[in-house]
PDBML (XML) file of the C-alpha atoms, coordinates in Angstrom:
<?xml version="1.0" encoding="UTF-8" ?>
<PDBx:datablock datablockName="MODEL"
   xmlns:PDBx="http://pdbml.pdb.org/schema/pdbx-v50.xsd"
   xmlns:xsi="http://www.w3.org/2001/XMLSchema-instance"
   xsi:schemaLocation="http://pdbml.pdb.org/schema/pdbx-v50.xsd pdbx-v50.xsd">
   <PDBx:atom_siteCategory>
      <PDBx:atom_site id="1">
         <PDBx:B_iso_or_equiv>0.00</PDBx:B_iso_or_equiv>
         <PDBx:Cartn_x>12.287</PDBx:Cartn_x>
         <PDBx:Cartn_y>7.475</PDBx:Cartn_y>
         <PDBx:Cartn_z>10.704</PDBx:Cartn_z>
         <PDBx:auth_asym_id>A</PDBx:auth_asym_id>
         <PDBx:auth_atom_id>CA</PDBx:auth_atom_id>
         <PDBx:auth_comp_id>GLY</PDBx:auth_comp_id>
         <PDBx:auth_seq_id>1</PDBx:auth_seq_id>
         <PDBx:group_PDB>ATOM</PDBx:group_PDB>
         <PDBx:label_alt_id xsi:nil="true" />
         <PDBx:label_asym_id>A</PDBx:label_asym_id>
         <PDBx:label_atom_id>CA</PDBx:label_atom_id>
         <PDBx:label_comp_id>GLY</PDBx:label_comp_id>
         <PDBx:label_entity_id>1</PDBx:label_entity_id>
         <PDBx:label_seq_id>1</PDBx:label_seq_id>
         <PDBx:occupancy>1.00</PDBx:occupancy>
         <PDBx:pdbx_PDB_model_num>1</PDBx:pdbx_PDB_model_num>
         <PDBx:type_symbol>C</PDBx:type_symbol>
      </PDBx:atom_site>
      <PDBx:atom_site id="2">
         <PDBx:B_iso_or_equiv>0.00</PDBx:B_iso_or_equiv>
         <PDBx:Cartn_x>12.074</PDBx:Cartn_x>
         <PDBx:Cartn_y>9.784</PDBx:Cartn_y>
         <PDBx:Cartn_z>7.689</PDBx:Cartn_z>
         <PDBx:auth_asym_id>A</PDBx:auth_asym_id>
         <PDBx:auth_atom_id>CA</PDBx:auth_atom_id>
         <PDBx:auth_comp_id>HIS</PDBx:auth_comp_id>
         <PDBx:auth_seq_id>2</PDBx:auth_seq_id>
         <PDBx:group_PDB>ATOM</PDBx:group_PDB>
         <PDBx:label_alt_id xsi:nil="true" />
         <PDBx:label_asym_id>A</PDBx:label_asym_id>
         <PDBx:label_atom_id>CA</PDBx:label_atom_id>
         <PDBx:label_comp_id>HIS</PDBx:label_comp_id>
         <PDBx:label_entity_id>1</PDBx:label_entity_id>
         <PDBx:label_seq_id>2</PDBx:label_seq_id>
         <PDBx:occupancy>1.00</PDBx:occupancy>
         <PDBx:pdbx_PDB_model_num>1</PDBx:pdbx_PDB_model_num>
         <PDBx:type_symbol>C</PDBx:type_symbol>
      </PDBx:atom_site>
      <PDBx:atom_site id="3">
         <PDBx:B_iso_or_equiv>0.00</PDBx:B_iso_or_equiv>
         <PDBx:Cartn_x>8.808</PDBx:Cartn_x>
         <PDBx:Cartn_y>11.297</PDBx:Cartn_y>
         <PDBx:Cartn_z>6.409</PDBx:Cartn_z>
         <PDBx:auth_asym_id>A</PDBx:auth_asym_id>
         <PDBx:auth_atom_id>CA</PDBx:auth_atom_id>
         <PDBx:auth_comp_id>ILE</PDBx:auth_comp_id>
         <PDBx:auth_seq_id>3</PDBx:auth_seq_id>
         <PDBx:group_PDB>ATOM</PDBx:group_PDB>
         <PDBx:label_alt_id xsi:nil="true" />
         <PDBx:label_asym_id>A</PDBx:label_asym_id>
         <PDBx:label_atom_id>CA</PDBx:label_atom_id>
         <PDBx:label_comp_id>ILE</PDBx:label_comp_id>
         <PDBx:label_entity_id>1</PDBx:label_entity_id>
         <PDBx:label_seq_id>3</PDBx:label_seq_id>
         <PDBx:occupancy>1.00</PDBx:occupancy>
         <PDBx:pdbx_PDB_model_num>1</PDBx:pdbx_PDB_model_num>
         <PDBx:type_symbol>C</PDBx:type_symbol>
      </PDBx:atom_site>
      <PDBx:atom_site id="4">
         <PDBx:B_iso_or_equiv>0.00</PDBx:B_iso_or_equiv>
         <PDBx:Cartn_x>8.628</PDBx:Cartn_x>
         <PDBx:Cartn_y>11.666</PDBx:Cartn_y>
         <PDBx:Cartn_z>2.593</PDBx:Cartn_z>
         <PDBx:auth_asym_id>A</PDBx:auth_asym_id>
         <PDBx:auth_atom_id>CA</PDBx:auth_atom_id>
         <PDBx:auth_comp_id>PRO</PDBx:auth_comp_id>
         <PDBx:auth_seq_id>4</PDBx:auth_seq_id>
         <PDBx:group_PDB>ATOM</PDBx:group_PDB>
         <PDBx:label_alt_id xsi:nil="true" />
         <PDBx:label_asym_id>A</PDBx:label_asym_id>
         <PDBx:label_atom_id>CA</PDBx:label_atom_id>
         <PDBx:label_comp_id>PRO</PDBx:label_comp_id>
         <PDBx:label_entity_id>1</PDBx:label_entity_id>
         <PDBx:label_seq_id>4</PDBx:label_seq_id>
         <PDBx:occupancy>1.00</PDBx:occupancy>
         <PDBx:pdbx_PDB_model_num>1</PDBx:pdbx_PDB_model_num>
         <PDBx:type_symbol>C</PDBx:type_symbol>
      </PDBx:atom_site>
      <PDBx:atom_site id="5">
         <PDBx:B_iso_or_equiv>0.00</PDBx:B_iso_or_equiv>
         <PDBx:Cartn_x>7.955</PDBx:Cartn_x>
         <PDBx:Cartn_y>15.238</PDBx:Cartn_y>
         <PDBx:Cartn_z>1.458</PDBx:Cartn_z>
         <PDBx:auth_asym_id>A</PDBx:auth_asym_id>
         <PDBx:auth_atom_id>CA</PDBx:auth_atom_id>
         <PDBx:auth_comp_id>LYS</PDBx:auth_comp_id>
         <PDBx:auth_seq_id>5</PDBx:auth_seq_id>
         <PDBx:group_PDB>ATOM</PDBx:group_PDB>
         <PDBx:label_alt_id xsi:nil="true" />
         <PDBx:label_asym_id>A</PDBx:label_asym_id>
         <PDBx:label_atom_id>CA</PDBx:label_atom_id>
         <PDBx:label_comp_id>LYS</PDBx:label_comp_id>
         <PDBx:label_entity_id>1</PDBx:label_entity_id>
         <PDBx:label_seq_id>5</PDBx:label_seq_id>
         <PDBx:occupancy>1.00</PDBx:occupancy>
         <PDBx:pdbx_PDB_model_num>1</PDBx:pdbx_PDB_model_num>
         <PDBx:type_symbol>C</PDBx:type_symbol>
      </PDBx:atom_site>
      <PDBx:atom_site id="6">
         <PDBx:B_iso_or_equiv>0.00</PDBx:B_iso_or_equiv>
         <PDBx:Cartn_x>5.075</PDBx:Cartn_x>
         <PDBx:Cartn_y>14.277</PDBx:Cartn_y>
         <PDBx:Cartn_z>-0.799</PDBx:Cartn_z>
         <PDBx:auth_asym_id>A</PDBx:auth_asym_id>
         <PDBx:auth_atom_id>CA</PDBx:auth_atom_id>
         <PDBx:auth_comp_id>ASP</PDBx:auth_comp_id>
         <PDBx:auth_seq_id>6</PDBx:auth_seq_id>
         <PDBx:group_PDB>ATOM</PDBx:group_PDB>
         <PDBx:label_alt_id xsi:nil="true" />
         <PDBx:label_asym_id>A</PDBx:label_asym_id>
         <PDBx:label_atom_id>CA</PDBx:label_atom_id>
         <PDBx:label_comp_id>ASP</PDBx:label_comp_id>
         <PDBx:label_entity_id>1</PDBx:label_entity_id>
         <PDBx:label_seq_id>6</PDBx:label_seq_id>
         <PDBx:occupancy>1.00</PDBx:occupancy>
         <PDBx:pdbx_PDB_model_num>1</PDBx:pdbx_PDB_model_num>
         <PDBx:type_symbol>C</PDBx:type_symbol>
      </PDBx:atom_site>
      <PDBx:atom_site id="7">
         <PDBx:B_iso_or_equiv>0.00</PDBx:B_iso_or_equiv>
         <PDBx:Cartn_x>3.214</PDBx:Cartn_x>
         <PDBx:Cartn_y>12.166</PDBx:Cartn_y>
         <PDBx:Cartn_z>1.801</PDBx:Cartn_z>
         <PDBx:auth_asym_id>A</PDBx:auth_asym_id>
         <PDBx:auth_atom_id>CA</PDBx:auth_atom_id>
         <PDBx:auth_comp_id>LEU</PDBx:auth_comp_id>
         <PDBx:auth_seq_id>7</PDBx:auth_seq_id>
         <PDBx:group_PDB>ATOM</PDBx:group_PDB>
         <PDBx:label_alt_id xsi:nil="true" />
         <PDBx:label_asym_id>A</PDBx:label_asym_id>
         <PDBx:label_atom_id>CA</PDBx:label_atom_id>
         <PDBx:label_comp_id>LEU</PDBx:label_comp_id>
         <PDBx:label_entity_id>1</PDBx:label_entity_id>
         <PDBx:label_seq_id>7</PDBx:label_seq_id>
         <PDBx:occupancy>1.00</PDBx:occupancy>
         <PDBx:pdbx_PDB_model_num>1</PDBx:pdbx_PDB_model_num>
         <PDBx:type_symbol>C</PDBx:type_symbol>
      </PDBx:atom_site>
      <PDBx:atom_site id="8">
         <PDBx:B_iso_or_equiv>0.00</PDBx:B_iso_or_equiv>
         <PDBx:Cartn_x>0.879</PDBx:Cartn_x>
         <PDBx:Cartn_y>14.917</PDBx:Cartn_y>
         <PDBx:Cartn_z>3.044</PDBx:Cartn_z>
         <PDBx:auth_asym_id>A</PDBx:auth_asym_id>
         <PDBx:auth_atom_id>CA</PDBx:auth_atom_id>
         <PDBx:auth_comp_id>ILE</PDBx:auth_comp_id>
         <PDBx:auth_seq_id>8</PDBx:auth_seq_id>
         <PDBx:group_PDB>ATOM</PDBx:group_PDB>
         <PDBx:label_alt_id xsi:nil="true" />
         <PDBx:label_asym_id>A</PDBx:label_asym_id>
         <PDBx:label_atom_id>CA</PDBx:label_atom_id>
         <PDBx:label_comp_id>ILE</PDBx:label_comp_id>
         <PDBx:label_entity_id>1</PDBx:label_entity_id>
         <PDBx:label_seq_id>8</PDBx:label_seq_id>
         <PDBx:occupancy>1.00</PDBx:occupancy>
         <PDBx:pdbx_PDB_model_num>1</PDBx:pdbx_PDB_model_num>
         <PDBx:type_symbol>C</PDBx:type_symbol>
      </PDBx:atom_site>
      <PDBx:atom_site id="9">
         <PDBx:B_iso_or_equiv>0.00</PDBx:B_iso_or_equiv>
         <PDBx:Cartn_x>0.182</PDBx:Cartn_x>
         <PDBx:Cartn_y>16.324</PDBx:Cartn_y>
         <PDBx:Cartn_z>-0.433</PDBx:Cartn_z>
         <PDBx:auth_asym_id>A</PDBx:auth_asym_id>
         <PDBx:auth_atom_id>CA</PDBx:auth_atom_id>
         <PDBx:auth_comp_id>ASP</PDBx:auth_comp_id>
         <PDBx:auth_seq_id>9</PDBx:auth_seq_id>
         <PDBx:group_PDB>ATOM</PDBx:group_PDB>
         <PDBx:label_alt_id xsi:nil="true" />
         <PDBx:label_asym_id>A</PDBx:label_asym_id>
         <PDBx:label_atom_id>CA</PDBx:label_atom_id>
         <PDBx:label_comp_id>ASP</PDBx:label_comp_id>
         <PDBx:label_entity_id>1</PDBx:label_entity_id>
         <PDBx:label_seq_id>9</PDBx:label_seq_id>
         <PDBx:occupancy>1.00</PDBx:occupancy>
         <PDBx:pdbx_PDB_model_num>1</PDBx:pdbx_PDB_model_num>
         <PDBx:type_symbol>C</PDBx:type_symbol>
      </PDBx:atom_site>
      <PDBx:atom_site id="10">
         <PDBx:B_iso_or_equiv>0.00</PDBx:B_iso_or_equiv>
         <PDBx:Cartn_x>-0.703</PDBx:Cartn_x>
         <PDBx:Cartn_y>12.923</PDBx:Cartn_y>
         <PDBx:Cartn_z>-1.875</PDBx:Cartn_z>
         <PDBx:auth_asym_id>A</PDBx:auth_asym_id>
         <PDBx:auth_atom_id>CA</PDBx:auth_atom_id>
         <PDBx:auth_comp_id>LYS</PDBx:auth_comp_id>
         <PDBx:auth_seq_id>10</PDBx:auth_seq_id>
         <PDBx:group_PDB>ATOM</PDBx:group_PDB>
         <PDBx:label_alt_id xsi:nil="true" />
         <PDBx:label_asym_id>A</PDBx:label_asym_id>
         <PDBx:label_atom_id>CA</PDBx:label_atom_id>
         <PDBx:label_comp_id>LYS</PDBx:label_comp_id>
         <PDBx:label_entity_id>1</PDBx:label_entity_id>
         <PDBx:label_seq_id>10</PDBx:label_seq_id>
         <PDBx:occupancy>1.00</PDBx:occupancy>
         <PDBx:pdbx_PDB_model_num>1</PDBx:pdbx_PDB_model_num>
         <PDBx:type_symbol>C</PDBx:type_symbol>
      </PDBx:atom_site>
      <PDBx:atom_site id="11">
         <PDBx:B_iso_or_equiv>0.00</PDBx:B_iso_or_equiv>
         <PDBx:Cartn_x>-2.824</PDBx:Cartn_x>
         <PDBx:Cartn_y>12.123</PDBx:Cartn_y>
         <PDBx:Cartn_z>1.178</PDBx:Cartn_z>
         <PDBx:auth_asym_id>A</PDBx:auth_asym_id>
         <PDBx:auth_atom_id>CA</PDBx:auth_atom_id>
         <PDBx:auth_comp_id>GLY</PDBx:auth_comp_id>
         <PDBx:auth_seq_id>11</PDBx:auth_seq_id>
         <PDBx:group_PDB>ATOM</PDBx:group_PDB>
         <PDBx:label_alt_id xsi:nil="true" />
         <PDBx:label_asym_id>A</PDBx:label_asym_id>
         <PDBx:label_atom_id>CA</PDBx:label_atom_id>
         <PDBx:label_comp_id>GLY</PDBx:label_comp_id>
         <PDBx:label_entity_id>1</PDBx:label_entity_id>
         <PDBx:label_seq_id>11</PDBx:label_seq_id>
         <PDBx:occupancy>1.00</PDBx:occupancy>
         <PDBx:pdbx_PDB_model_num>1</PDBx:pdbx_PDB_model_num>
         <PDBx:type_symbol>C</PDBx:type_symbol>
      </PDBx:atom_site>
      <PDBx:atom_site id="12">
         <PDBx:B_iso_or_equiv>0.00</PDBx:B_iso_or_equiv>
         <PDBx:Cartn_x>-4.755</PDBx:Cartn_x>
         <PDBx:Cartn_y>15.397</PDBx:Cartn_y>
         <PDBx:Cartn_z>0.760</PDBx:Cartn_z>
         <PDBx:auth_asym_id>A</PDBx:auth_asym_id>
         <PDBx:auth_atom_id>CA</PDBx:auth_atom_id>
         <PDBx:auth_comp_id>ASN</PDBx:auth_comp_id>
         <PDBx:auth_seq_id>12</PDBx:auth_seq_id>
         <PDBx:group_PDB>ATOM</PDBx:group_PDB>
         <PDBx:label_alt_id xsi:nil="true" />
         <PDBx:label_asym_id>A</PDBx:label_asym_id>
         <PDBx:label_atom_id>CA</PDBx:label_atom_id>
         <PDBx:label_comp_id>ASN</PDBx:label_comp_id>
         <PDBx:label_entity_id>1</PDBx:label_entity_id>
         <PDBx:label_seq_id>12</PDBx:label_seq_id>
         <PDBx:occupancy>1.00</PDBx:occupancy>
         <PDBx:pdbx_PDB_model_num>1</PDBx:pdbx_PDB_model_num>
         <PDBx:type_symbol>C</PDBx:type_symbol>
      </PDBx:atom_site>
      <PDBx:atom_site id="13">
         <PDBx:B_iso_or_equiv>0.00</PDBx:B_iso_or_equiv>
         <PDBx:Cartn_x>-5.188</PDBx:Cartn_x>
         <PDBx:Cartn_y>14.705</PDBx:Cartn_y>
         <PDBx:Cartn_z>-2.951</PDBx:Cartn_z>
         <PDBx:auth_asym_id>A</PDBx:auth_asym_id>
         <PDBx:auth_atom_id>CA</PDBx:auth_atom_id>
         <PDBx:auth_comp_id>ALA</PDBx:auth_comp_id>
         <PDBx:auth_seq_id>13</PDBx:auth_seq_id>
         <PDBx:group_PDB>ATOM</PDBx:group_PDB>
         <PDBx:label_alt_id xsi:nil="true" />
         <PDBx:label_asym_id>A</PDBx:label_asym_id>
         <PDBx:label_atom_id>CA</PDBx:label_atom_id>
         <PDBx:label_comp_id>ALA</PDBx:label_comp_id>
         <PDBx:label_entity_id>1</PDBx:label_entity_id>
         <PDBx:label_seq_id>13</PDBx:label_seq_id>
         <PDBx:occupancy>1.00</PDBx:occupancy>
         <PDBx:pdbx_PDB_model_num>1</PDBx:pdbx_PDB_model_num>
         <PDBx:type_symbol>C</PDBx:type_symbol>
      </PDBx:atom_site>
      <PDBx:atom_site id="14">
         <PDBx:B_iso_or_equiv>0.00</PDBx:B_iso_or_equiv>
         <PDBx:Cartn_x>-6.848</PDBx:Cartn_x>
         <PDBx:Cartn_y>11.367</PDBx:Cartn_y>
         <PDBx:Cartn_z>-2.158</PDBx:Cartn_z>
         <PDBx:auth_asym_id>A</PDBx:auth_asym_id>
         <PDBx:auth_atom_id>CA</PDBx:auth_atom_id>
         <PDBx:auth_comp_id>ILE</PDBx:auth_comp_id>
         <PDBx:auth_seq_id>14</PDBx:auth_seq_id>
         <PDBx:group_PDB>ATOM</PDBx:group_PDB>
         <PDBx:label_alt_id xsi:nil="true" />
         <PDBx:label_asym_id>A</PDBx:label_asym_id>
         <PDBx:label_atom_id>CA</PDBx:label_atom_id>
         <PDBx:label_comp_id>ILE</PDBx:label_comp_id>
         <PDBx:label_entity_id>1</PDBx:label_entity_id>
         <PDBx:label_seq_id>14</PDBx:label_seq_id>
         <PDBx:occupancy>1.00</PDBx:occupancy>
         <PDBx:pdbx_PDB_model_num>1</PDBx:pdbx_PDB_model_num>
         <PDBx:type_symbol>C</PDBx:type_symbol>
      </PDBx:atom_site>
      <PDBx:atom_site id="15">
         <PDBx:B_iso_or_equiv>0.00</PDBx:B_iso_or_equiv>
         <PDBx:Cartn_x>-9.112</PDBx:Cartn_x>
         <PDBx:Cartn_y>13.056</PDBx:Cartn_y>
         <PDBx:Cartn_z>0.412</PDBx:Cartn_z>
         <PDBx:auth_asym_id>A</PDBx:auth_asym_id>
         <PDBx:auth_atom_id>CA</PDBx:auth_atom_id>
         <PDBx:auth_comp_id>ALA</PDBx:auth_comp_id>
         <PDBx:auth_seq_id>15</PDBx:auth_seq_id>
         <PDBx:group_PDB>ATOM</PDBx:group_PDB>
         <PDBx:label_alt_id xsi:nil="true" />
         <PDBx:label_asym_id>A</PDBx:label_asym_id>
         <PDBx:label_atom_id>CA</PDBx:label_atom_id>
         <PDBx:label_comp_id>ALA</PDBx:label_comp_id>
         <PDBx:label_entity_id>1</PDBx:label_entity_id>
         <PDBx:label_seq_id>15</PDBx:label_seq_id>
         <PDBx:occupancy>1.00</PDBx:occupancy>
         <PDBx:pdbx_PDB_model_num>1</PDBx:pdbx_PDB_model_num>
         <PDBx:type_symbol>C</PDBx:type_symbol>
      </PDBx:atom_site>
      <PDBx:atom_site id="16">
         <PDBx:B_iso_or_equiv>0.00</PDBx:B_iso_or_equiv>
         <PDBx:Cartn_x>-10.082</PDBx:Cartn_x>
         <PDBx:Cartn_y>15.722</PDBx:Cartn_y>
         <PDBx:Cartn_z>-2.132</PDBx:Cartn_z>
         <PDBx:auth_asym_id>A</PDBx:auth_asym_id>
         <PDBx:auth_atom_id>CA</PDBx:auth_atom_id>
         <PDBx:auth_comp_id>LEU</PDBx:auth_comp_id>
         <PDBx:auth_seq_id>16</PDBx:auth_seq_id>
         <PDBx:group_PDB>ATOM</PDBx:group_PDB>
         <PDBx:label_alt_id xsi:nil="true" />
         <PDBx:label_asym_id>A</PDBx:label_asym_id>
         <PDBx:label_atom_id>CA</PDBx:label_atom_id>
         <PDBx:label_comp_id>LEU</PDBx:label_comp_id>
         <PDBx:label_entity_id>1</PDBx:label_entity_id>
         <PDBx:label_seq_id>16</PDBx:label_seq_id>
         <PDBx:occupancy>1.00</PDBx:occupancy>
         <PDBx:pdbx_PDB_model_num>1</PDBx:pdbx_PDB_model_num>
         <PDBx:type_symbol>C</PDBx:type_symbol>
      </PDBx:atom_site>
      <PDBx:atom_site id="17">
         <PDBx:B_iso_or_equiv>0.00</PDBx:B_iso_or_equiv>
         <PDBx:Cartn_x>-11.249</PDBx:Cartn_x>
         <PDBx:Cartn_y>12.975</PDBx:Cartn_y>
         <PDBx:Cartn_z>-4.464</PDBx:Cartn_z>
         <PDBx:auth_asym_id>A</PDBx:auth_asym_id>
         <PDBx:auth_atom_id>CA</PDBx:auth_atom_id>
         <PDBx:auth_comp_id>GLU</PDBx:auth_comp_id>
         <PDBx:auth_seq_id>17</PDBx:auth_seq_id>
         <PDBx:group_PDB>ATOM</PDBx:group_PDB>
         <PDBx:label_alt_id xsi:nil="true" />
         <PDBx:label_asym_id>A</PDBx:label_asym_id>
         <PDBx:label_atom_id>CA</PDBx:label_atom_id>
         <PDBx:label_comp_id>GLU</PDBx:label_comp_id>
         <PDBx:label_entity_id>1</PDBx:label_entity_id>
         <PDBx:label_seq_id>17</PDBx:label_seq_id>
         <PDBx:occupancy>1.00</PDBx:occupancy>
         <PDBx:pdbx_PDB_model_num>1</PDBx:pdbx_PDB_model_num>
         <PDBx:type_symbol>C</PDBx:type_symbol>
      </PDBx:atom_site>
      <PDBx:atom_site id="18">
         <PDBx:B_iso_or_equiv>0.00</PDBx:B_iso_or_equiv>
         <PDBx:Cartn_x>-13.492</PDBx:Cartn_x>
         <PDBx:Cartn_y>11.579</PDBx:Cartn_y>
         <PDBx:Cartn_z>-1.751</PDBx:Cartn_z>
         <PDBx:auth_asym_id>A</PDBx:auth_asym_id>
         <PDBx:auth_atom_id>CA</PDBx:auth_atom_id>
         <PDBx:auth_comp_id>GLY</PDBx:auth_comp_id>
         <PDBx:auth_seq_id>18</PDBx:auth_seq_id>
         <PDBx:group_PDB>ATOM</PDBx:group_PDB>
         <PDBx:label_alt_id xsi:nil="true" />
         <PDBx:label_asym_id>A</PDBx:label_asym_id>
         <PDBx:label_atom_id>CA</PDBx:label_atom_id>
         <PDBx:label_comp_id>GLY</PDBx:label_comp_id>
         <PDBx:label_entity_id>1</PDBx:label_entity_id>
         <PDBx:label_seq_id>18</PDBx:label_seq_id>
         <PDBx:occupancy>1.00</PDBx:occupancy>
         <PDBx:pdbx_PDB_model_num>1</PDBx:pdbx_PDB_model_num>
         <PDBx:type_symbol>C</PDBx:type_symbol>
      </PDBx:atom_site>
      <PDBx:atom_site id="19">
         <PDBx:B_iso_or_equiv>0.00</PDBx:B_iso_or_equiv>
         <PDBx:Cartn_x>-11.202</PDBx:Cartn_x>
         <PDBx:Cartn_y>8.729</PDBx:Cartn_y>
         <PDBx:Cartn_z>-0.759</PDBx:Cartn_z>
         <PDBx:auth_asym_id>A</PDBx:auth_asym_id>
         <PDBx:auth_atom_id>CA</PDBx:auth_atom_id>
         <PDBx:auth_comp_id>GLY</PDBx:auth_comp_id>
         <PDBx:auth_seq_id>19</PDBx:auth_seq_id>
         <PDBx:group_PDB>ATOM</PDBx:group_PDB>
         <PDBx:label_alt_id xsi:nil="true" />
         <PDBx:label_asym_id>A</PDBx:label_asym_id>
         <PDBx:label_atom_id>CA</PDBx:label_atom_id>
         <PDBx:label_comp_id>GLY</PDBx:label_comp_id>
         <PDBx:label_entity_id>1</PDBx:label_entity_id>
         <PDBx:label_seq_id>19</PDBx:label_seq_id>
         <PDBx:occupancy>1.00</PDBx:occupancy>
         <PDBx:pdbx_PDB_model_num>1</PDBx:pdbx_PDB_model_num>
         <PDBx:type_symbol>C</PDBx:type_symbol>
      </PDBx:atom_site>
      <PDBx:atom_site id="20">
         <PDBx:B_iso_or_equiv>0.00</PDBx:B_iso_or_equiv>
         <PDBx:Cartn_x>-9.458</PDBx:Cartn_x>
         <PDBx:Cartn_y>7.684</PDBx:Cartn_y>
         <PDBx:Cartn_z>2.431</PDBx:Cartn_z>
         <PDBx:auth_asym_id>A</PDBx:auth_asym_id>
         <PDBx:auth_atom_id>CA</PDBx:auth_atom_id>
         <PDBx:auth_comp_id>THR</PDBx:auth_comp_id>
         <PDBx:auth_seq_id>20</PDBx:auth_seq_id>
         <PDBx:group_PDB>ATOM</PDBx:group_PDB>
         <PDBx:label_alt_id xsi:nil="true" />
         <PDBx:label_asym_id>A</PDBx:label_asym_id>
         <PDBx:label_atom_id>CA</PDBx:label_atom_id>
         <PDBx:label_comp_id>THR</PDBx:label_comp_id>
         <PDBx:label_entity_id>1</PDBx:label_entity_id>
         <PDBx:label_seq_id>20</PDBx:label_seq_id>
         <PDBx:occupancy>1.00</PDBx:occupancy>
         <PDBx:pdbx_PDB_model_num>1</PDBx:pdbx_PDB_model_num>
         <PDBx:type_symbol>C</PDBx:type_symbol>
      </PDBx:atom_site>
      <PDBx:atom_site id="21">
         <PDBx:B_iso_or_equiv>0.00</PDBx:B_iso_or_equiv>
         <PDBx:Cartn_x>-5.646</PDBx:Cartn_x>
         <PDBx:Cartn_y>7.403</PDBx:Cartn_y>
         <PDBx:Cartn_z>2.441</PDBx:Cartn_z>
         <PDBx:auth_asym_id>A</PDBx:auth_asym_id>
         <PDBx:auth_atom_id>CA</PDBx:auth_atom_id>
         <PDBx:auth_comp_id>PRO</PDBx:auth_comp_id>
         <PDBx:auth_seq_id>21</PDBx:auth_seq_id>
         <PDBx:group_PDB>ATOM</PDBx:group_PDB>
         <PDBx:label_alt_id xsi:nil="true" />
         <PDBx:label_asym_id>A</PDBx:label_asym_id>
         <PDBx:label_atom_id>CA</PDBx:label_atom_id>
         <PDBx:label_comp_id>PRO</PDBx:label_comp_id>
         <PDBx:label_entity_id>1</PDBx:label_entity_id>
         <PDBx:label_seq_id>21</PDBx:label_seq_id>
         <PDBx:occupancy>1.00</PDBx:occupancy>
         <PDBx:pdbx_PDB_model_num>1</PDBx:pdbx_PDB_model_num>
         <PDBx:type_symbol>C</PDBx:type_symbol>
      </PDBx:atom_site>
      <PDBx:atom_site id="22">
         <PDBx:B_iso_or_equiv>0.00</PDBx:B_iso_or_equiv>
         <PDBx:Cartn_x>-3.978</PDBx:Cartn_x>
         <PDBx:Cartn_y>4.624</PDBx:Cartn_y>
         <PDBx:Cartn_z>4.479</PDBx:Cartn_z>
         <PDBx:auth_asym_id>A</PDBx:auth_asym_id>
         <PDBx:auth_atom_id>CA</PDBx:auth_atom_id>
         <PDBx:auth_comp_id>LEU</PDBx:auth_comp_id>
         <PDBx:auth_seq_id>22</PDBx:auth_seq_id>
         <PDBx:group_PDB>ATOM</PDBx:group_PDB>
         <PDBx:label_alt_id xsi:nil="true" />
         <PDBx:label_asym_id>A</PDBx:label_asym_id>
         <PDBx:label_atom_id>CA</PDBx:label_atom_id>
         <PDBx:label_comp_id>LEU</PDBx:label_comp_id>
         <PDBx:label_entity_id>1</PDBx:label_entity_id>
         <PDBx:label_seq_id>22</PDBx:label_seq_id>
         <PDBx:occupancy>1.00</PDBx:occupancy>
         <PDBx:pdbx_PDB_model_num>1</PDBx:pdbx_PDB_model_num>
         <PDBx:type_symbol>C</PDBx:type_symbol>
      </PDBx:atom_site>
      <PDBx:atom_site id="23">
         <PDBx:B_iso_or_equiv>0.00</PDBx:B_iso_or_equiv>
         <PDBx:Cartn_x>-0.224</PDBx:Cartn_x>
         <PDBx:Cartn_y>4.958</PDBx:Cartn_y>
         <PDBx:Cartn_z>4.932</PDBx:Cartn_z>
         <PDBx:auth_asym_id>A</PDBx:auth_asym_id>
         <PDBx:auth_atom_id>CA</PDBx:auth_atom_id>
         <PDBx:auth_comp_id>ALA</PDBx:auth_comp_id>
         <PDBx:auth_seq_id>23</PDBx:auth_seq_id>
         <PDBx:group_PDB>ATOM</PDBx:group_PDB>
         <PDBx:label_alt_id xsi:nil="true" />
         <PDBx:label_asym_id>A</PDBx:label_asym_id>
         <PDBx:label_atom_id>CA</PDBx:label_atom_id>
         <PDBx:label_comp_id>ALA</PDBx:label_comp_id>
         <PDBx:label_entity_id>1</PDBx:label_entity_id>
         <PDBx:label_seq_id>23</PDBx:label_seq_id>
         <PDBx:occupancy>1.00</PDBx:occupancy>
         <PDBx:pdbx_PDB_model_num>1</PDBx:pdbx_PDB_model_num>
         <PDBx:type_symbol>C</PDBx:type_symbol>
      </PDBx:atom_site>
      <PDBx:atom_site id="24">
         <PDBx:B_iso_or_equiv>0.00</PDBx:B_iso_or_equiv>
         <PDBx:Cartn_x>1.959</PDBx:Cartn_x>
         <PDBx:Cartn_y>1.812</PDBx:Cartn_y>
         <PDBx:Cartn_z>4.762</PDBx:Cartn_z>
         <PDBx:auth_asym_id>A</PDBx:auth_asym_id>
         <PDBx:auth_atom_id>CA</PDBx:auth_atom_id>
         <PDBx:auth_comp_id>VAL</PDBx:auth_comp_id>
         <PDBx:auth_seq_id>24</PDBx:auth_seq_id>
         <PDBx:group_PDB>ATOM</PDBx:group_PDB>
         <PDBx:label_alt_id xsi:nil="true" />
         <PDBx:label_asym_id>A</PDBx:label_asym_id>
         <PDBx:label_atom_id>CA</PDBx:label_atom_id>
         <PDBx:label_comp_id>VAL</PDBx:label_comp_id>
         <PDBx:label_entity_id>1</PDBx:label_entity_id>
         <PDBx:label_seq_id>24</PDBx:label_seq_id>
         <PDBx:occupancy>1.00</PDBx:occupancy>
         <PDBx:pdbx_PDB_model_num>1</PDBx:pdbx_PDB_model_num>
         <PDBx:type_symbol>C</PDBx:type_symbol>
      </PDBx:atom_site>
      <PDBx:atom_site id="25">
         <PDBx:B_iso_or_equiv>0.00</PDBx:B_iso_or_equiv>
         <PDBx:Cartn_x>5.235</PDBx:Cartn_x>
         <PDBx:Cartn_y>1.735</PDBx:Cartn_y>
         <PDBx:Cartn_z>6.702</PDBx:Cartn_z>
         <PDBx:auth_asym_id>A</PDBx:auth_asym_id>
         <PDBx:auth_atom_id>CA</PDBx:auth_atom_id>
         <PDBx:auth_comp_id>ALA</PDBx:auth_comp_id>
         <PDBx:auth_seq_id>25</PDBx:auth_seq_id>
         <PDBx:group_PDB>ATOM</PDBx:group_PDB>
         <PDBx:label_alt_id xsi:nil="true" />
         <PDBx:label_asym_id>A</PDBx:label_asym_id>
         <PDBx:label_atom_id>CA</PDBx:label_atom_id>
         <PDBx:label_comp_id>ALA</PDBx:label_comp_id>
         <PDBx:label_entity_id>1</PDBx:label_entity_id>
         <PDBx:label_seq_id>25</PDBx:label_seq_id>
         <PDBx:occupancy>1.00</PDBx:occupancy>
         <PDBx:pdbx_PDB_model_num>1</PDBx:pdbx_PDB_model_num>
         <PDBx:type_symbol>C</PDBx:type_symbol>
      </PDBx:atom_site>
   </PDBx:atom_siteCategory>
</PDBx:datablock>
């Protein structure tokens, strides 16, 4: 499959805000 370019950046942004990112595929 294909990995979106903004996946890691948006995941890190959530972590920086104190949250936990869960990916949906």
